[in-house]
Amino acid sequence: MLIGHRFEHLANGDLHIHSRNLVQSAFMLLIGAITLILPVACVGFWLTEWQAQLADLNPLSTLLLVLTLLLMPALGLSLLVYMGSRESLRLSRVGGKGERRTQNFFGRRERVKSVFNLDNPRALELRRREQAEPIYTQLWLVMRDGGEHRLTTDNVPVVPGCKRTDLWLRTLADYLDVAVPDEVVMESAVGKPAPYRPAPTPAKIARQRKAKGPVPAAESTEQLGIPARALLALIGTFLAVLELNQVVALVPAVISGRLRISGFRSGYTTFYWAEQPVAFSFNVFLGVIEVLIIGFIAWQCLRTAVLRRMKADP
């Protein structure tokens, strides 16, 4: 089975559901292979067919080409290493909790995506937004205290009426001792307004803080490993060289009043300040904005790679 779930009932009463999508894994492997083979092929053509043409490039363009050949396999390898393509749902009635975990393509780098309580489950609900395709259906676990937890994996879609989905729903319902959901609850695209709650007074806030005591600040950053830092440094260097090449082309154009830009379909177009001042100024303005935006992204990548930390989601 290319897409489906594997159920594992442990001796201690836990249930592990491993979701697999071999189509997605094959596509990731294909992308990784292409990003590794393409730079090698380009180097081969460089040494045989393109040597004369590449000899005419300026040093910045040559450096940009080398960084591109290095960036392609780095991005392909990072896709296989850092993307959680394997998912598992671990339920424990003894421990009273459930976990959603992910692993990369190689079965390593296990990460806990969410942890939720399994005490007193009330029902399983299939939900889908109005006018959405059936493939976007989500399964939610509703607790008696009003809590809700999403059980749908990201690599295997929930399709009501499919044998794969029906078996998955029956296994979950039997283990949680709830009814199997037989209908899909349609949700409105516009969320329900939150109930009105009066804002607490400053005196009440002060009393609550005094009663709870000092609360340590939550850790808002996560440390990055050496491979992630190297990838960010490579991306930042590539963007920095790309925009430096743009600056080298933009500054002489502003001084001479002759700007040459390339279009995807129109090829090269030349603007002269003496003949087309509005078009010339507009394209120079776009070039400056591009340099500032991509330069800022390059700076953030290099800064994160040096400081070894990145802001985490709260």
C-alpha atoms as a PDB file:
ATOM      1  CA  MET A   1       0.000   0.000   0.000  1.00  0.00           C
ATOM      2  CA  LEU A   2       1.521   3.285  -1.101  1.00  0.00           C
ATOM      3  CA  ILE A   3      -0.473   5.521   1.258  1.00  0.00           C
ATOM      4  CA  GLY A   4      -1.870   4.301   4.556  1.00  0.00           C
ATOM      5  CA  HIS A   5      -1.403   3.558   8.235  1.00  0.00           C
ATOM      6  CA  ARG A   6       0.326   0.775  10.134  1.00  0.00           C
ATOM      7  CA  PHE A   7      -1.181  -0.079  13.526  1.00  0.00           C
ATOM      8  CA  GLU A   8       0.999  -1.308  16.369  1.00  0.00           C
ATOM      9  CA  HIS A   9      -0.609  -2.560  19.582  1.00  0.00           C
ATOM     10  CA  LEU A  10       1.978  -2.767  22.366  1.00  0.00           C
ATOM     11  CA  ALA A  11       1.963  -5.156  25.298  1.00  0.00           C
ATOM     12  CA  ASN A  12       1.418  -2.315  27.800  1.00  0.00           C
ATOM     13  CA  GLY A  13      -1.829  -1.323  26.086  1.00  0.00           C
ATOM     14  CA  ASP A  14      -0.485   1.593  24.041  1.00  0.00           C
ATOM     15  CA  LEU A  15      -1.465   2.144  20.427  1.00  0.00           C
ATOM     16  CA  HIS A  16       1.024   3.454  17.867  1.00  0.00           C
ATOM     17  CA  ILE A  17      -0.253   4.457  14.438  1.00  0.00           C
ATOM     18  CA  HIS A  18       2.510   4.962  11.872  1.00  0.00           C
ATOM     19  CA  SER A  19       1.435   6.918   8.802  1.00  0.00           C
ATOM     20  CA  ARG A  20       3.299   6.415   5.559  1.00  0.00           C
ATOM     21  CA  ASN A  21       3.107   8.055   2.154  1.00  0.00           C
ATOM     22  CA  LEU A  22       5.463   6.321  -0.248  1.00  0.00           C
ATOM     23  CA  VAL A  23       4.456   8.667  -3.080  1.00  0.00           C
ATOM     24  CA  GLN A  24       5.621  11.678  -1.076  1.00  0.00           C
ATOM     25  CA  SER A  25       8.804   9.862  -0.037  1.00  0.00           C
ATOM     26  CA  ALA A  26       9.563   8.902  -3.653  1.00  0.00           C
ATOM     27  CA  PHE A  27       9.034  12.498  -4.767  1.00  0.00           C
ATOM     28  CA  MET A  28      11.386  13.769  -2.048  1.00  0.00           C
ATOM     29  CA  LEU A  29      13.990  11.187  -3.050  1.00  0.00           C
ATOM     30  CA  LEU A  30      13.645  12.239  -6.693  1.00  0.00           C
ATOM     31  CA  ILE A  31      14.131  15.909  -5.803  1.00  0.00           C
ATOM     32  CA  GLY A  32      17.164  15.050  -3.695  1.00  0.00           C
ATOM     33  CA  ALA A  33      18.679  12.993  -6.525  1.00  0.00           C
ATOM     34  CA  ILE A  34      18.081  15.765  -9.059  1.00  0.00           C
ATOM     35  CA  THR A  35      19.726  18.373  -6.838  1.00  0.00           C
ATOM     36  CA  LEU A  36      22.770  16.112  -6.513  1.00  0.00           C
ATOM     37  CA  ILE A  37      23.051  15.060 -10.162  1.00  0.00           C
ATOM     38  CA  LEU A  38      22.355  18.452 -11.763  1.00  0.00           C
ATOM     39  CA  PRO A  39      25.387  20.281 -10.276  1.00  0.00           C
ATOM     40  CA  VAL A  40      27.675  17.381 -11.272  1.00  0.00           C
ATOM     41  CA  ALA A  41      26.308  17.546 -14.831  1.00  0.00           C
ATOM     42  CA  CYS A  42      26.815  21.301 -14.920  1.00  0.00           C
ATOM     43  CA  VAL A  43      30.431  20.924 -13.808  1.00  0.00           C
ATOM     44  CA  GLY A  44      30.947  18.330 -16.535  1.00  0.00           C
ATOM     45  CA  PHE A  45      29.563  20.658 -19.201  1.00  0.00           C
ATOM     46  CA  TRP A  46      31.600  23.489 -17.714  1.00  0.00           C
ATOM     47  CA  LEU A  47      34.847  21.573 -18.215  1.00  0.00           C
ATOM     48  CA  THR A  48      33.956  20.403 -21.743  1.00  0.00           C
ATOM     49  CA  GLU A  49      31.431  22.567 -23.601  1.00  0.00           C
ATOM     50  CA  TRP A  50      31.019  25.834 -21.691  1.00  0.00           C
ATOM     51  CA  GLN A  51      34.611  26.573 -20.780  1.00  0.00           C
ATOM     52  CA  ALA A  52      35.006  29.327 -23.359  1.00  0.00           C
ATOM     53  CA  GLN A  53      31.722  31.049 -22.452  1.00  0.00           C
ATOM     54  CA  LEU A  54      32.326  30.893 -18.704  1.00  0.00           C
ATOM     55  CA  ALA A  55      35.811  32.327 -19.107  1.00  0.00           C
ATOM     56  CA  ASP A  56      34.245  35.659 -20.082  1.00  0.00           C
ATOM     57  CA  LEU A  57      32.270  35.979 -16.820  1.00  0.00           C
ATOM     58  CA  ASN A  58      33.314  38.509 -14.215  1.00  0.00           C
ATOM     59  CA  PRO A  59      34.507  37.257 -10.797  1.00  0.00           C
ATOM     60  CA  LEU A  60      31.188  37.995  -9.065  1.00  0.00           C
ATOM     61  CA  SER A  61      29.186  36.068 -11.651  1.00  0.00           C
ATOM     62  CA  THR A  62      31.602  33.150 -11.408  1.00  0.00           C
ATOM     63  CA  LEU A  63      31.322  33.143  -7.614  1.00  0.00           C
ATOM     64  CA  LEU A  64      27.535  33.299  -7.894  1.00  0.00           C
ATOM     65  CA  LEU A  65      27.567  30.293 -10.238  1.00  0.00           C
ATOM     66  CA  VAL A  66      29.751  28.301  -7.844  1.00  0.00           C
ATOM     67  CA  LEU A  67      27.466  29.142  -4.908  1.00  0.00           C
ATOM     68  CA  THR A  68      24.455  28.047  -6.955  1.00  0.00           C
ATOM     69  CA  LEU A  69      26.074  24.673  -7.653  1.00  0.00           C
ATOM     70  CA  LEU A  70      26.758  24.275  -3.932  1.00  0.00           C
ATOM     71  CA  LEU A  71      23.323  25.467  -2.850  1.00  0.00           C
ATOM     72  CA  MET A  72      21.335  23.007  -4.953  1.00  0.00           C
ATOM     73  CA  PRO A  73      22.619  19.792  -3.289  1.00  0.00           C
ATOM     74  CA  ALA A  74      22.523  21.481   0.116  1.00  0.00           C
ATOM     75  CA  LEU A  75      18.819  22.288  -0.299  1.00  0.00           C
ATOM     76  CA  GLY A  76      18.052  18.782  -1.566  1.00  0.00           C
ATOM     77  CA  LEU A  77      19.856  17.162   1.339  1.00  0.00           C
ATOM     78  CA  SER A  78      18.193  19.489   3.855  1.00  0.00           C
ATOM     79  CA  LEU A  79      14.799  18.480   2.441  1.00  0.00           C
ATOM     80  CA  LEU A  80      15.542  14.851   3.251  1.00  0.00           C
ATOM     81  CA  VAL A  81      17.093  15.569   6.645  1.00  0.00           C
ATOM     82  CA  TYR A  82      14.886  18.290   8.137  1.00  0.00           C
ATOM     83  CA  MET A  83      11.425  17.669   6.667  1.00  0.00           C
ATOM     84  CA  GLY A  84       9.252  15.402   8.827  1.00  0.00           C
ATOM     85  CA  SER A  85       8.014  12.999   6.168  1.00  0.00           C
ATOM     86  CA  ARG A  86       7.213  10.168   8.600  1.00  0.00           C
ATOM     87  CA  GLU A  87       4.516  10.661  11.211  1.00  0.00           C
ATOM     88  CA  SER A  88       3.259   8.588  14.090  1.00  0.00           C
ATOM     89  CA  LEU A  89       0.422   8.972  16.575  1.00  0.00           C
ATOM     90  CA  ARG A  90       1.148   7.447  19.991  1.00  0.00           C
ATOM     91  CA  LEU A  91      -1.786   6.940  22.331  1.00  0.00           C
ATOM     92  CA  SER A  92      -1.498   5.651  25.896  1.00  0.00           C
ATOM     93  CA  ARG A  93      -4.555   5.026  28.040  1.00  0.00           C
ATOM     94  CA  VAL A  94      -2.305   4.016  30.943  1.00  0.00           C
ATOM     95  CA  GLY A  95      -0.334   7.250  30.838  1.00  0.00           C
ATOM     96  CA  GLY A  96      -3.401   9.272  29.859  1.00  0.00           C
ATOM     97  CA  LYS A  97      -1.710  11.172  27.046  1.00  0.00           C
ATOM     98  CA  GLY A  98      -1.202  11.180  23.312  1.00  0.00           C
ATOM     99  CA  GLU A  99       1.654  12.396  21.140  1.00  0.00           C
ATOM    100  CA  ARG A 100       2.136  13.291  17.501  1.00  0.00           C
ATOM    101  CA  ARG A 101       5.715  12.691  16.368  1.00  0.00           C
ATOM    102  CA  THR A 102       7.573  13.175  13.098  1.00  0.00           C
ATOM    103  CA  GLN A 103      10.756  11.723  11.630  1.00  0.00           C
ATOM    104  CA  ASN A 104      12.770  12.636   8.580  1.00  0.00           C
ATOM    105  CA  PHE A 105      13.171  10.592   5.407  1.00  0.00           C
ATOM    106  CA  PHE A 106      15.861   8.410   6.999  1.00  0.00           C
ATOM    107  CA  GLY A 107      13.839   7.708  10.147  1.00  0.00           C
ATOM    108  CA  ARG A 108      15.985   9.992  12.313  1.00  0.00           C
ATOM    109  CA  ARG A 109      15.511  13.414  13.960  1.00  0.00           C
ATOM    110  CA  GLU A 110      12.358  12.448  15.839  1.00  0.00           C
ATOM    111  CA  ARG A 111      10.399  15.505  16.921  1.00  0.00           C
ATOM    112  CA  VAL A 112       7.327  15.777  19.166  1.00  0.00           C
ATOM    113  CA  LYS A 113       4.823  18.020  17.382  1.00  0.00           C
ATOM    114  CA  SER A 114       2.098  17.984  20.027  1.00  0.00           C
ATOM    115  CA  VAL A 115       1.237  16.369  23.354  1.00  0.00           C
ATOM    116  CA  PHE A 116      -2.349  16.170  24.582  1.00  0.00           C
ATOM    117  CA  ASN A 117      -4.384  14.631  27.392  1.00  0.00           C
ATOM    118  CA  LEU A 118      -6.451  11.480  26.794  1.00  0.00           C
ATOM    119  CA  ASP A 119      -8.489  11.522  29.998  1.00  0.00           C
ATOM    120  CA  ASN A 120     -12.261  11.569  29.464  1.00  0.00           C
ATOM    121  CA  PRO A 121     -12.569  11.766  25.671  1.00  0.00           C
ATOM    122  CA  ARG A 122     -16.077  12.624  24.522  1.00  0.00           C
ATOM    123  CA  ALA A 123     -16.159  12.133  20.751  1.00  0.00           C
ATOM    124  CA  LEU A 124     -14.298  12.089  17.459  1.00  0.00           C
ATOM    125  CA  GLU A 125     -15.392  14.686  14.917  1.00  0.00           C
ATOM    126  CA  LEU A 126     -14.715  14.959  11.206  1.00  0.00           C
ATOM    127  CA  ARG A 127     -14.588  18.615  10.193  1.00  0.00           C
ATOM    128  CA  ARG A 128     -14.237  20.389   6.890  1.00  0.00           C
ATOM    129  CA  ARG A 129     -14.624  23.980   5.823  1.00  0.00           C
ATOM    130  CA  GLU A 130     -17.459  24.931   3.547  1.00  0.00           C
ATOM    131  CA  GLN A 131     -16.786  24.528  -0.193  1.00  0.00           C
ATOM    132  CA  ALA A 132     -13.568  22.606   0.544  1.00  0.00           C
ATOM    133  CA  GLU A 133     -12.612  19.333  -1.124  1.00  0.00           C
ATOM    134  CA  PRO A 134     -13.130  16.077   0.852  1.00  0.00           C
ATOM    135  CA  ILE A 135      -9.361  15.602   0.950  1.00  0.00           C
ATOM    136  CA  TYR A 136      -9.126  18.577   3.357  1.00  0.00           C
ATOM    137  CA  THR A 137     -11.221  16.860   6.039  1.00  0.00           C
ATOM    138  CA  GLN A 138      -9.680  16.935   9.526  1.00  0.00           C
ATOM    139  CA  LEU A 139     -10.223  14.594  12.473  1.00  0.00           C
ATOM    140  CA  TRP A 140     -10.519  16.182  15.914  1.00  0.00           C
ATOM    141  CA  LEU A 141     -10.658  14.604  19.358  1.00  0.00           C
ATOM    142  CA  VAL A 142     -13.144  16.448  21.570  1.00  0.00           C
ATOM    143  CA  MET A 143     -12.720  16.111  25.342  1.00  0.00           C
ATOM    144  CA  ARG A 144     -15.424  16.378  27.998  1.00  0.00           C
ATOM    145  CA  ASP A 145     -13.825  19.513  29.424  1.00  0.00           C
ATOM    146  CA  GLY A 146     -14.123  21.265  26.038  1.00  0.00           C
ATOM    147  CA  GLY A 147     -10.556  20.699  24.867  1.00  0.00           C
ATOM    148  CA  GLU A 148      -9.902  19.742  21.250  1.00  0.00           C
ATOM    149  CA  HIS A 149      -6.904  18.038  19.644  1.00  0.00           C
ATOM    150  CA  ARG A 150      -6.229  17.453  15.958  1.00  0.00           C
ATOM    151  CA  LEU A 151      -5.369  13.836  15.127  1.00  0.00           C
ATOM    152  CA  THR A 152      -4.969  14.185  11.365  1.00  0.00           C
ATOM    153  CA  THR A 153      -1.496  13.599   9.999  1.00  0.00           C
ATOM    154  CA  ASP A 154       0.079  15.824   7.360  1.00  0.00           C
ATOM    155  CA  ASN A 155       1.197  13.078   4.991  1.00  0.00           C
ATOM    156  CA  VAL A 156      -1.939  10.897   4.788  1.00  0.00           C
ATOM    157  CA  PRO A 157      -5.206  12.681   3.911  1.00  0.00           C
ATOM    158  CA  VAL A 158      -8.545  11.855   5.500  1.00  0.00           C
ATOM    159  CA  VAL A 159     -11.057  10.836   2.818  1.00  0.00           C
ATOM    160  CA  PRO A 160     -14.477   9.873   4.244  1.00  0.00           C
ATOM    161  CA  GLY A 161     -15.745   6.650   2.704  1.00  0.00           C
ATOM    162  CA  CYS A 162     -12.277   5.349   1.829  1.00  0.00           C
ATOM    163  CA  LYS A 163     -11.334   1.939   3.266  1.00  0.00           C
ATOM    164  CA  ARG A 164      -8.071   3.324   4.580  1.00  0.00           C
ATOM    165  CA  THR A 165      -9.815   6.143   6.432  1.00  0.00           C
ATOM    166  CA  ASP A 166     -12.638   3.913   7.737  1.00  0.00           C
ATOM    167  CA  LEU A 167     -10.154   1.433   9.226  1.00  0.00           C
ATOM    168  CA  TRP A 168      -8.200   4.277  10.804  1.00  0.00           C
ATOM    169  CA  LEU A 169     -11.359   5.773  12.331  1.00  0.00           C
ATOM    170  CA  ARG A 170     -12.573   2.434  13.690  1.00  0.00           C
ATOM    171  CA  THR A 171      -9.210   1.692  15.290  1.00  0.00           C
ATOM    172  CA  LEU A 172      -9.083   5.090  16.970  1.00  0.00           C
ATOM    173  CA  ALA A 173     -12.704   4.907  18.127  1.00  0.00           C
ATOM    174  CA  ASP A 174     -12.272   1.413  19.589  1.00  0.00           C
ATOM    175  CA  TYR A 175      -9.132   2.402  21.463  1.00  0.00           C
ATOM    176  CA  LEU A 176     -10.595   5.651  22.833  1.00  0.00           C
ATOM    177  CA  ASP A 177     -13.957   3.998  23.552  1.00  0.00           C
ATOM    178  CA  VAL A 178     -15.974   6.559  21.594  1.00  0.00           C
ATOM    179  CA  ALA A 179     -18.343   6.329  18.661  1.00  0.00           C
ATOM    180  CA  VAL A 180     -17.061   6.217  15.101  1.00  0.00           C
ATOM    181  CA  PRO A 181     -17.874   9.553  13.393  1.00  0.00           C
ATOM    182  CA  ASP A 182     -20.324   8.949  10.562  1.00  0.00           C
ATOM    183  CA  GLU A 183     -20.777  12.504   9.266  1.00  0.00           C
ATOM    184  CA  VAL A 184     -18.653  15.511   8.459  1.00  0.00           C
ATOM    185  CA  VAL A 185     -19.265  18.751  10.364  1.00  0.00           C
ATOM    186  CA  MET A 186     -19.076  21.697   8.000  1.00  0.00           C
ATOM    187  CA  GLU A 187     -17.261  24.713   9.423  1.00  0.00           C
ATOM    188  CA  SER A 188     -17.772  28.273   8.284  1.00  0.00           C
ATOM    189  CA  ALA A 189     -14.790  30.038   6.744  1.00  0.00           C
ATOM    190  CA  VAL A 190     -15.386  32.923   9.162  1.00  0.00           C
ATOM    191  CA  GLY A 191     -14.646  31.974  12.742  1.00  0.00           C
ATOM    192  CA  LYS A 192     -17.150  32.535  15.477  1.00  0.00           C
ATOM    193  CA  PRO A 193     -16.677  35.742  17.449  1.00  0.00           C
ATOM    194  CA  ALA A 194     -15.149  35.260  20.855  1.00  0.00           C
ATOM    195  CA  PRO A 195     -17.464  35.849  23.808  1.00  0.00           C
ATOM    196  CA  TYR A 196     -17.169  39.214  25.451  1.00  0.00           C
ATOM    197  CA  ARG A 197     -15.104  39.298  28.596  1.00  0.00           C
ATOM    198  CA  PRO A 198     -14.515  42.527  30.491  1.00  0.00           C
ATOM    199  CA  ALA A 199     -10.859  43.494  30.783  1.00  0.00           C
ATOM    200  CA  PRO A 200      -9.422  43.019  34.287  1.00  0.00           C
ATOM    201  CA  THR A 201      -8.591  46.124  36.245  1.00  0.00           C
ATOM    202  CA  PRO A 202      -4.929  46.970  36.985  1.00  0.00           C
ATOM    203  CA  ALA A 203      -5.488  46.212  40.669  1.00  0.00           C
ATOM    204  CA  LYS A 204      -6.811  42.716  39.824  1.00  0.00           C
ATOM    205  CA  ILE A 205      -3.840  42.063  37.523  1.00  0.00           C
ATOM    206  CA  ALA A 206      -1.426  43.109  40.283  1.00  0.00           C
ATOM    207  CA  ARG A 207      -3.126  40.772  42.785  1.00  0.00           C
ATOM    208  CA  GLN A 208      -2.940  37.866  40.338  1.00  0.00           C
ATOM    209  CA  ARG A 209       0.750  38.457  39.669  1.00  0.00           C
ATOM    210  CA  LYS A 210       1.456  38.722  43.371  1.00  0.00           C
ATOM    211  CA  ALA A 211      -0.399  35.465  44.057  1.00  0.00           C
ATOM    212  CA  LYS A 212       1.338  33.530  41.274  1.00  0.00           C
ATOM    213  CA  GLY A 213       4.785  34.922  41.979  1.00  0.00           C
ATOM    214  CA  PRO A 214       7.433  35.680  39.383  1.00  0.00           C
ATOM    215  CA  VAL A 215       7.028  33.691  36.183  1.00  0.00           C
ATOM    216  CA  PRO A 216      10.223  32.791  34.323  1.00  0.00           C
ATOM    217  CA  ALA A 217      10.380  34.050  30.774  1.00  0.00           C
ATOM    218  CA  ALA A 218       9.652  31.409  28.178  1.00  0.00           C
ATOM    219  CA  GLU A 219      12.484  30.308  25.998  1.00  0.00           C
ATOM    220  CA  SER A 220      11.831  32.022  22.672  1.00  0.00           C
ATOM    221  CA  THR A 221      14.873  30.787  20.802  1.00  0.00           C
ATOM    222  CA  GLU A 222      16.196  27.405  19.756  1.00  0.00           C
ATOM    223  CA  GLN A 223      19.792  26.418  19.150  1.00  0.00           C
ATOM    224  CA  LEU A 224      20.755  25.420  15.637  1.00  0.00           C
ATOM    225  CA  GLY A 225      23.035  22.546  14.750  1.00  0.00           C
ATOM    226  CA  ILE A 226      26.095  22.775  12.548  1.00  0.00           C
ATOM    227  CA  PRO A 227      24.324  21.524   9.346  1.00  0.00           C
ATOM    228  CA  ALA A 228      21.519  24.081   9.717  1.00  0.00           C
ATOM    229  CA  ARG A 229      24.017  26.882  10.376  1.00  0.00           C
ATOM    230  CA  ALA A 230      26.076  25.869   7.347  1.00  0.00           C
ATOM    231  CA  LEU A 231      22.945  25.897   5.157  1.00  0.00           C
ATOM    232  CA  LEU A 232      21.917  29.329   6.419  1.00  0.00           C
ATOM    233  CA  ALA A 233      25.440  30.644   5.883  1.00  0.00           C
ATOM    234  CA  LEU A 234      25.413  29.309   2.316  1.00  0.00           C
ATOM    235  CA  ILE A 235      21.999  30.846   1.585  1.00  0.00           C
ATOM    236  CA  GLY A 236      23.052  34.176   3.111  1.00  0.00           C
ATOM    237  CA  THR A 237      26.305  34.233   1.127  1.00  0.00           C
ATOM    238  CA  PHE A 238      24.460  33.385  -2.096  1.00  0.00           C
ATOM    239  CA  LEU A 239      21.934  36.191  -1.574  1.00  0.00           C
ATOM    240  CA  ALA A 240      24.672  38.644  -0.581  1.00  0.00           C
ATOM    241  CA  VAL A 241      26.709  37.922  -3.729  1.00  0.00           C
ATOM    242  CA  LEU A 242      23.541  38.080  -5.828  1.00  0.00           C
ATOM    243  CA  GLU A 243      22.701  41.556  -4.573  1.00  0.00           C
ATOM    244  CA  LEU A 244      26.312  42.699  -4.720  1.00  0.00           C
ATOM    245  CA  ASN A 245      26.243  41.788  -8.382  1.00  0.00           C
ATOM    246  CA  GLN A 246      23.048  43.832  -8.691  1.00  0.00           C
ATOM    247  CA  VAL A 247      24.667  46.823  -6.976  1.00  0.00           C
ATOM    248  CA  VAL A 248      27.717  46.617  -9.274  1.00  0.00           C
ATOM    249  CA  ALA A 249      25.369  46.780 -12.264  1.00  0.00           C
ATOM    250  CA  LEU A 250      23.056  49.426 -10.755  1.00  0.00           C
ATOM    251  CA  VAL A 251      25.578  52.056  -9.644  1.00  0.00           C
ATOM    252  CA  PRO A 252      27.257  52.560 -13.055  1.00  0.00           C
ATOM    253  CA  ALA A 253      23.818  52.673 -14.671  1.00  0.00           C
ATOM    254  CA  VAL A 254      22.729  55.525 -12.400  1.00  0.00           C
ATOM    255  CA  ILE A 255      25.953  57.432 -13.073  1.00  0.00           C
ATOM    256  CA  SER A 256      25.872  56.976 -16.849  1.00  0.00           C
ATOM    257  CA  GLY A 257      22.096  57.334 -17.248  1.00  0.00           C
ATOM    258  CA  ARG A 258      21.850  54.035 -19.129  1.00  0.00           C
ATOM    259  CA  LEU A 259      20.066  51.115 -17.454  1.00  0.00           C
ATOM    260  CA  ARG A 260      19.879  47.684 -19.062  1.00  0.00           C
ATOM    261  CA  ILE A 261      17.490  45.137 -17.562  1.00  0.00           C
ATOM    262  CA  SER A 262      16.503  41.647 -18.625  1.00  0.00           C
ATOM    263  CA  GLY A 263      12.950  40.332 -18.852  1.00  0.00           C
ATOM    264  CA  PHE A 264      11.686  36.777 -18.845  1.00  0.00           C
ATOM    265  CA  ARG A 265       9.988  37.108 -22.247  1.00  0.00           C
ATOM    266  CA  SER A 266      11.178  40.422 -23.672  1.00  0.00           C
ATOM    267  CA  GLY A 267      14.906  39.772 -23.319  1.00  0.00           C
ATOM    268  CA  TYR A 268      17.162  42.754 -22.616  1.00  0.00           C
ATOM    269  CA  THR A 269      15.692  46.256 -22.550  1.00  0.00           C
ATOM    270  CA  THR A 270      17.710  49.471 -22.247  1.00  0.00           C
ATOM    271  CA  PHE A 271      16.354  52.648 -20.608  1.00  0.00           C
ATOM    272  CA  TYR A 272      18.008  56.047 -21.017  1.00  0.00           C
ATOM    273  CA  TRP A 273      17.579  58.882 -18.546  1.00  0.00           C
ATOM    274  CA  ALA A 274      17.567  61.475 -21.333  1.00  0.00           C
ATOM    275  CA  GLU A 275      14.814  59.732 -23.295  1.00  0.00           C
ATOM    276  CA  GLN A 276      12.687  57.936 -20.655  1.00  0.00           C
ATOM    277  CA  PRO A 277      13.233  59.578 -17.262  1.00  0.00           C
ATOM    278  CA  VAL A 278      10.084  58.116 -15.664  1.00  0.00           C
ATOM    279  CA  ALA A 279      10.726  54.531 -16.768  1.00  0.00           C
ATOM    280  CA  PHE A 280      14.416  54.879 -15.895  1.00  0.00           C
ATOM    281  CA  SER A 281      13.656  56.173 -12.386  1.00  0.00           C
ATOM    282  CA  PHE A 282      10.985  53.535 -11.780  1.00  0.00           C
ATOM    283  CA  ASN A 283      13.298  50.650 -12.702  1.00  0.00           C
ATOM    284  CA  VAL A 284      16.114  52.082 -10.607  1.00  0.00           C
ATOM    285  CA  PHE A 285      13.697  52.370  -7.679  1.00  0.00           C
ATOM    286  CA  LEU A 286      12.657  48.717  -8.116  1.00  0.00           C
ATOM    287  CA  GLY A 287      16.316  47.715  -8.225  1.00  0.00           C
ATOM    288  CA  VAL A 288      17.064  49.548  -4.990  1.00  0.00           C
ATOM    289  CA  ILE A 289      14.045  47.975  -3.249  1.00  0.00           C
ATOM    290  CA  GLU A 290      15.169  44.536  -4.401  1.00  0.00           C
ATOM    291  CA  VAL A 291      18.665  45.122  -3.048  1.00  0.00           C
ATOM    292  CA  LEU A 292      17.317  46.268   0.332  1.00  0.00           C
ATOM    293  CA  ILE A 293      14.837  43.392   0.764  1.00  0.00           C
ATOM    294  CA  ILE A 294      17.099  40.551  -0.359  1.00  0.00           C
ATOM    295  CA  GLY A 295      20.051  42.163   1.422  1.00  0.00           C
ATOM    296  CA  PHE A 296      18.069  42.165   4.662  1.00  0.00           C
ATOM    297  CA  ILE A 297      17.213  38.479   4.189  1.00  0.00           C
ATOM    298  CA  ALA A 298      20.888  37.698   3.540  1.00  0.00           C
ATOM    299  CA  TRP A 299      21.892  39.600   6.677  1.00  0.00           C
ATOM    300  CA  GLN A 300      19.374  37.707   8.808  1.00  0.00           C
ATOM    301  CA  CYS A 301      20.579  34.344   7.434  1.00  0.00           C
ATOM    302  CA  LEU A 302      24.217  35.167   8.153  1.00  0.00           C
ATOM    303  CA  ARG A 303      23.373  36.622  11.558  1.00  0.00           C
ATOM    304  CA  THR A 304      21.402  33.515  12.554  1.00  0.00           C
ATOM    305  CA  ALA A 305      24.209  31.254  11.334  1.00  0.00           C
ATOM    306  CA  VAL A 306      26.755  33.121  13.453  1.00  0.00           C
ATOM    307  CA  LEU A 307      24.638  33.480  16.608  1.00  0.00           C
ATOM    308  CA  ARG A 308      23.503  29.818  16.421  1.00  0.00           C
ATOM    309  CA  ARG A 309      19.949  30.541  17.458  1.00  0.00           C
ATOM    310  CA  MET A 310      16.618  31.232  15.801  1.00  0.00           C
ATOM    311  CA  LYS A 311      13.377  32.552  17.189  1.00  0.00           C
ATOM    312  CA  ALA A 312      11.015  29.727  17.956  1.00  0.00           C
ATOM    313  CA  ASP A 313       7.241  29.756  17.740  1.00  0.00           C
ATOM    314  CA  PRO A 314       5.618  30.705  21.058  1.00  0.00           C
END
